N, C-alpha and C. Protein backbone atom coordinates (compact mmCIF):
# COMPACT_ATOMS: atom_id res chain seq x y z
N MET A 1 7.53 20.29 -1.29
CA MET A 1 7.03 18.97 -1.63
C MET A 1 5.62 18.81 -1.05
N PRO A 2 4.65 18.40 -1.84
CA PRO A 2 3.29 18.25 -1.34
C PRO A 2 3.17 17.02 -0.45
N ARG A 3 2.25 17.10 0.48
CA ARG A 3 1.99 15.96 1.35
C ARG A 3 1.18 14.92 0.61
N ILE A 4 1.41 13.68 0.92
CA ILE A 4 0.66 12.59 0.31
C ILE A 4 -0.77 12.59 0.84
N ILE A 5 -0.91 12.86 2.11
CA ILE A 5 -2.22 12.85 2.76
C ILE A 5 -2.58 14.28 3.10
N ASP A 6 -3.73 14.71 2.66
CA ASP A 6 -4.18 16.08 2.92
C ASP A 6 -4.89 16.13 4.27
N SER A 7 -4.11 16.24 5.33
CA SER A 7 -4.64 16.21 6.69
C SER A 7 -3.64 16.87 7.62
N SER A 8 -4.10 17.29 8.76
CA SER A 8 -3.19 17.86 9.74
C SER A 8 -2.54 16.78 10.61
N SER A 9 -3.04 15.56 10.53
CA SER A 9 -2.50 14.46 11.32
C SER A 9 -1.13 14.05 10.80
N MET A 10 -0.24 13.68 11.70
CA MET A 10 1.11 13.27 11.34
C MET A 10 1.22 11.76 11.13
N ASN A 11 0.14 11.02 11.40
CA ASN A 11 0.16 9.57 11.18
C ASN A 11 -1.26 9.06 10.94
N LEU A 12 -1.34 7.86 10.41
CA LEU A 12 -2.64 7.22 10.15
C LEU A 12 -3.01 6.20 11.22
N THR A 13 -2.11 5.93 12.14
CA THR A 13 -2.28 4.80 13.04
C THR A 13 -2.61 5.14 14.48
N GLY A 14 -2.51 6.40 14.85
CA GLY A 14 -2.64 6.79 16.25
C GLY A 14 -3.91 6.36 16.94
N GLN A 15 -5.05 6.54 16.28
CA GLN A 15 -6.32 6.17 16.90
C GLN A 15 -6.41 4.67 17.13
N LYS A 16 -5.91 3.88 16.19
CA LYS A 16 -5.93 2.42 16.35
C LYS A 16 -4.97 1.97 17.45
N ILE A 17 -3.81 2.61 17.53
CA ILE A 17 -2.87 2.28 18.60
C ILE A 17 -3.53 2.52 19.95
N LYS A 18 -4.19 3.65 20.09
CA LYS A 18 -4.90 3.98 21.33
C LYS A 18 -5.99 2.94 21.62
N GLN A 19 -6.76 2.60 20.60
CA GLN A 19 -7.84 1.63 20.76
C GLN A 19 -7.30 0.29 21.26
N TYR A 20 -6.28 -0.24 20.60
CA TYR A 20 -5.74 -1.55 20.98
C TYR A 20 -5.07 -1.49 22.35
N ARG A 21 -4.42 -0.39 22.67
CA ARG A 21 -3.79 -0.24 23.99
C ARG A 21 -4.86 -0.28 25.07
N LYS A 22 -5.94 0.47 24.88
CA LYS A 22 -7.02 0.51 25.87
C LYS A 22 -7.73 -0.84 25.99
N GLU A 23 -7.90 -1.55 24.87
CA GLU A 23 -8.52 -2.87 24.90
C GLU A 23 -7.72 -3.83 25.78
N ARG A 24 -6.43 -3.56 25.91
CA ARG A 24 -5.55 -4.40 26.73
C ARG A 24 -5.37 -3.83 28.14
N ASN A 25 -6.17 -2.82 28.46
CA ASN A 25 -6.09 -2.17 29.79
C ASN A 25 -4.66 -1.78 30.13
N MET A 26 -3.99 -1.20 29.15
CA MET A 26 -2.59 -0.81 29.32
C MET A 26 -2.49 0.71 29.31
N SER A 27 -1.77 1.25 30.25
CA SER A 27 -1.53 2.70 30.26
C SER A 27 -0.46 3.04 29.24
N GLN A 28 -0.36 4.31 28.92
CA GLN A 28 0.71 4.75 28.02
C GLN A 28 2.07 4.45 28.61
N GLN A 29 2.22 4.61 29.92
CA GLN A 29 3.51 4.33 30.57
C GLN A 29 3.83 2.84 30.50
N GLN A 30 2.83 1.99 30.71
CA GLN A 30 3.06 0.55 30.62
C GLN A 30 3.49 0.16 29.21
N LEU A 31 2.84 0.76 28.21
CA LEU A 31 3.22 0.49 26.82
C LEU A 31 4.65 0.93 26.56
N SER A 32 5.01 2.10 27.04
CA SER A 32 6.37 2.61 26.89
C SER A 32 7.39 1.64 27.52
N ASN A 33 7.07 1.18 28.72
CA ASN A 33 7.97 0.26 29.43
C ASN A 33 8.13 -1.05 28.67
N LYS A 34 7.05 -1.59 28.12
CA LYS A 34 7.12 -2.85 27.38
C LYS A 34 7.90 -2.67 26.07
N LEU A 35 7.74 -1.53 25.42
CA LEU A 35 8.49 -1.26 24.20
C LEU A 35 9.99 -1.26 24.47
N GLU A 36 10.39 -0.77 25.63
CA GLU A 36 11.82 -0.74 25.99
C GLU A 36 12.42 -2.13 26.00
N THR A 37 11.62 -3.16 26.31
CA THR A 37 12.16 -4.53 26.32
C THR A 37 12.53 -4.99 24.92
N LEU A 38 12.01 -4.30 23.90
CA LEU A 38 12.36 -4.59 22.51
C LEU A 38 13.36 -3.58 21.96
N ALA A 39 13.91 -2.75 22.84
CA ALA A 39 14.83 -1.68 22.45
C ALA A 39 14.17 -0.67 21.53
N VAL A 40 12.88 -0.44 21.75
CA VAL A 40 12.13 0.60 21.04
C VAL A 40 11.78 1.63 22.11
N TYR A 41 12.39 2.81 22.00
CA TYR A 41 12.28 3.81 23.05
C TYR A 41 11.31 4.91 22.64
N ILE A 42 10.10 4.84 23.18
CA ILE A 42 9.09 5.88 22.99
C ILE A 42 8.60 6.26 24.38
N CYS A 43 8.84 7.48 24.80
CA CYS A 43 8.41 7.90 26.13
C CYS A 43 6.89 8.04 26.16
N ARG A 44 6.32 8.11 27.35
CA ARG A 44 4.89 8.21 27.52
C ARG A 44 4.32 9.41 26.79
N GLY A 45 5.00 10.54 26.86
CA GLY A 45 4.54 11.74 26.18
C GLY A 45 4.50 11.57 24.67
N SER A 46 5.47 10.86 24.13
CA SER A 46 5.48 10.61 22.69
C SER A 46 4.36 9.66 22.29
N ILE A 47 4.05 8.69 23.13
CA ILE A 47 2.91 7.81 22.85
C ILE A 47 1.63 8.64 22.80
N SER A 48 1.49 9.56 23.72
CA SER A 48 0.32 10.45 23.72
C SER A 48 0.23 11.23 22.42
N ARG A 49 1.36 11.76 21.96
CA ARG A 49 1.37 12.54 20.72
C ARG A 49 1.12 11.65 19.49
N ILE A 50 1.60 10.42 19.52
CA ILE A 50 1.28 9.48 18.43
C ILE A 50 -0.22 9.25 18.40
N GLU A 51 -0.80 8.99 19.56
CA GLU A 51 -2.22 8.69 19.63
C GLU A 51 -3.10 9.87 19.21
N ASP A 52 -2.65 11.09 19.48
CA ASP A 52 -3.47 12.24 19.06
C ASP A 52 -3.11 12.75 17.67
N GLY A 53 -2.17 12.06 17.01
CA GLY A 53 -1.84 12.38 15.62
C GLY A 53 -0.87 13.52 15.43
N SER A 54 -0.25 13.99 16.50
CA SER A 54 0.67 15.12 16.36
C SER A 54 2.14 14.70 16.25
N ARG A 55 2.41 13.40 16.18
CA ARG A 55 3.77 12.89 16.03
C ARG A 55 3.76 11.75 15.01
N THR A 56 4.81 11.68 14.22
CA THR A 56 4.94 10.57 13.27
C THR A 56 5.36 9.29 13.99
N VAL A 57 5.23 8.19 13.29
CA VAL A 57 5.62 6.88 13.81
C VAL A 57 6.61 6.27 12.83
N THR A 58 7.76 5.83 13.31
CA THR A 58 8.72 5.19 12.43
C THR A 58 8.33 3.73 12.20
N ASP A 59 8.93 3.13 11.19
CA ASP A 59 8.64 1.72 10.92
C ASP A 59 9.07 0.83 12.09
N ILE A 60 10.20 1.14 12.71
CA ILE A 60 10.67 0.35 13.85
C ILE A 60 9.69 0.49 15.02
N GLU A 61 9.21 1.71 15.26
CA GLU A 61 8.23 1.92 16.33
C GLU A 61 6.94 1.16 16.05
N LEU A 62 6.48 1.21 14.81
CA LEU A 62 5.25 0.51 14.45
C LEU A 62 5.42 -1.00 14.62
N TYR A 63 6.57 -1.51 14.26
CA TYR A 63 6.85 -2.93 14.46
C TYR A 63 6.79 -3.27 15.95
N GLY A 64 7.43 -2.46 16.79
CA GLY A 64 7.41 -2.70 18.23
C GLY A 64 6.01 -2.64 18.80
N LEU A 65 5.23 -1.66 18.37
CA LEU A 65 3.85 -1.54 18.83
C LEU A 65 3.05 -2.78 18.42
N SER A 66 3.28 -3.26 17.21
CA SER A 66 2.61 -4.46 16.73
C SER A 66 2.95 -5.66 17.61
N GLN A 67 4.21 -5.80 17.96
CA GLN A 67 4.65 -6.92 18.78
C GLN A 67 4.06 -6.85 20.19
N ILE A 68 4.13 -5.69 20.82
CA ILE A 68 3.66 -5.55 22.19
C ILE A 68 2.13 -5.67 22.27
N LEU A 69 1.44 -5.05 21.33
CA LEU A 69 -0.02 -5.09 21.35
C LEU A 69 -0.58 -6.36 20.71
N GLN A 70 0.31 -7.17 20.12
CA GLN A 70 -0.05 -8.43 19.47
C GLN A 70 -1.12 -8.22 18.39
N ILE A 71 -0.83 -7.25 17.53
CA ILE A 71 -1.72 -6.89 16.42
C ILE A 71 -0.90 -6.87 15.14
N PRO A 72 -1.37 -7.52 14.07
CA PRO A 72 -0.65 -7.41 12.80
C PRO A 72 -0.60 -5.94 12.35
N ILE A 73 0.51 -5.52 11.80
CA ILE A 73 0.71 -4.12 11.42
C ILE A 73 -0.42 -3.61 10.55
N GLU A 74 -0.89 -4.42 9.62
CA GLU A 74 -1.94 -3.93 8.71
C GLU A 74 -3.23 -3.54 9.43
N LYS A 75 -3.48 -4.11 10.62
CA LYS A 75 -4.68 -3.77 11.39
C LYS A 75 -4.66 -2.32 11.84
N PHE A 76 -3.48 -1.73 12.00
CA PHE A 76 -3.38 -0.34 12.42
C PHE A 76 -3.92 0.62 11.35
N PHE A 77 -4.05 0.13 10.12
CA PHE A 77 -4.48 0.97 9.01
C PHE A 77 -5.93 0.76 8.60
N GLU A 78 -6.62 -0.14 9.26
CA GLU A 78 -8.02 -0.39 8.93
C GLU A 78 -8.92 0.71 9.46
N ASN A 79 -10.00 0.99 8.72
CA ASN A 79 -10.97 2.00 9.18
C ASN A 79 -11.92 1.44 10.20
């Protein structure tokens, strides 16, 4: 099955997630801990892999990231 996106990246949102996390002066571990309060379990290492594009992001994870970072989901896809 061909990929929809011709890229080596596993997601389109990682760089924006990193940007918004850093704008909030939040570490990857702090983000992981806050996500747990929403029952969204992403360890610090997985957040790192999401941010560098080597891991996919599920819809539930993206929703949790949106809630914790207080960013509308569509903002993660803007250039």
